[in-house]
C-alpha atoms as a PDB file:
ATOM      1  CA  MET A   1      15.217  -2.413  11.992  1.00  0.00           C
ATOM      2  CA  LYS A   2      14.622  -3.533   8.458  1.00  0.00           C
ATOM      3  CA  LEU A   3      13.010  -1.268   6.538  1.00  0.00           C
ATOM      4  CA  SER A   4      13.206  -3.047   2.911  1.00  0.00           C
ATOM      5  CA  GLY A   5      12.959  -6.287   1.795  1.00  0.00           C
ATOM      6  CA  ASN A   6       9.602  -7.292   3.461  1.00  0.00           C
ATOM      7  CA  THR A   7       6.114  -8.175   3.060  1.00  0.00           C
ATOM      8  CA  ILE A   8       3.497  -5.407   4.604  1.00  0.00           C
ATOM      9  CA  LEU A   9      -0.069  -5.897   4.590  1.00  0.00           C
ATOM     10  CA  ILE A  10      -2.319  -2.591   4.303  1.00  0.00           C
ATOM     11  CA  THR A  11      -6.340  -2.268   4.659  1.00  0.00           C
ATOM     12  CA  GLY A  12      -7.712   0.676   4.007  1.00  0.00           C
ATOM     13  CA  GLY A  13      -4.631   1.636   1.337  1.00  0.00           C
ATOM     14  CA  GLY A  14      -7.122   3.089  -1.452  1.00  0.00           C
ATOM     15  CA  SER A  15      -6.980   6.696   0.188  1.00  0.00           C
ATOM     16  CA  GLY A  16      -5.912   8.666   2.991  1.00  0.00           C
ATOM     17  CA  ILE A  17      -3.244   7.726   4.926  1.00  0.00           C
ATOM     18  CA  GLY A  18      -3.270   4.121   4.077  1.00  0.00           C
ATOM     19  CA  LEU A  19      -2.513   5.054   0.375  1.00  0.00           C
ATOM     20  CA  ALA A  20       0.546   7.161   1.797  1.00  0.00           C
ATOM     21  CA  PHE A  21       1.985   4.371   3.520  1.00  0.00           C
ATOM     22  CA  ALA A  22       1.577   2.100   0.993  1.00  0.00           C
ATOM     23  CA  GLU A  23       3.259   4.552  -1.849  1.00  0.00           C
ATOM     24  CA  ARG A  24       6.151   5.144   1.121  1.00  0.00           C
ATOM     25  CA  PHE A  25       6.933   1.256   1.392  1.00  0.00           C
ATOM     26  CA  ILE A  26       6.735   0.406  -1.950  1.00  0.00           C
ATOM     27  CA  LYS A  27       9.503   3.344  -2.646  1.00  0.00           C
ATOM     28  CA  ALA A  28      11.663   1.764   0.071  1.00  0.00           C
ATOM     29  CA  GLY A  29      11.378  -1.336  -1.879  1.00  0.00           C
ATOM     30  CA  ASN A  30       9.058  -3.241   0.029  1.00  0.00           C
ATOM     31  CA  THR A  31       6.321  -5.749  -1.257  1.00  0.00           C
ATOM     32  CA  VAL A  32       3.191  -4.482  -0.085  1.00  0.00           C
ATOM     33  CA  ILE A  33      -0.284  -5.874  -0.359  1.00  0.00           C
ATOM     34  CA  VAL A  34      -3.324  -3.529   0.006  1.00  0.00           C
ATOM     35  CA  CYS A  35      -6.570  -4.000   0.800  1.00  0.00           C
ATOM     36  CA  GLY A  36      -9.826  -1.816   0.470  1.00  0.00           C
ATOM     37  CA  ARG A  37     -13.409  -1.807   0.446  1.00  0.00           C
ATOM     38  CA  ARG A  38     -14.061  -0.586  -2.791  1.00  0.00           C
ATOM     39  CA  GLU A  39     -12.160  -2.073  -5.675  1.00  0.00           C
ATOM     40  CA  SER A  40     -12.422   0.784  -8.074  1.00  0.00           C
ATOM     41  CA  VAL A  41     -10.700   3.196  -5.577  1.00  0.00           C
ATOM     42  CA  LEU A  42      -7.855   0.431  -5.588  1.00  0.00           C
ATOM     43  CA  GLN A  43      -7.676   0.154  -9.544  1.00  0.00           C
ATOM     44  CA  ASP A  44      -7.280   4.129  -9.463  1.00  0.00           C
ATOM     45  CA  ALA A  45      -4.757   4.261  -6.830  1.00  0.00           C
ATOM     46  CA  PHE A  46      -2.469   1.284  -8.294  1.00  0.00           C
ATOM     47  CA  GLY A  47      -3.624   0.673 -11.606  1.00  0.00           C
END
């Protein structure tokens, strides 16, 4: 299985397990699209 170079969509990525997955996938060299209910939480998490 190819673990880098993918485009990944994560919902609920502003906190908790969604944020942890997003960070891991980014570190592994993937393009990550993160969605969430609160823009302020996403801004705090990803700047």
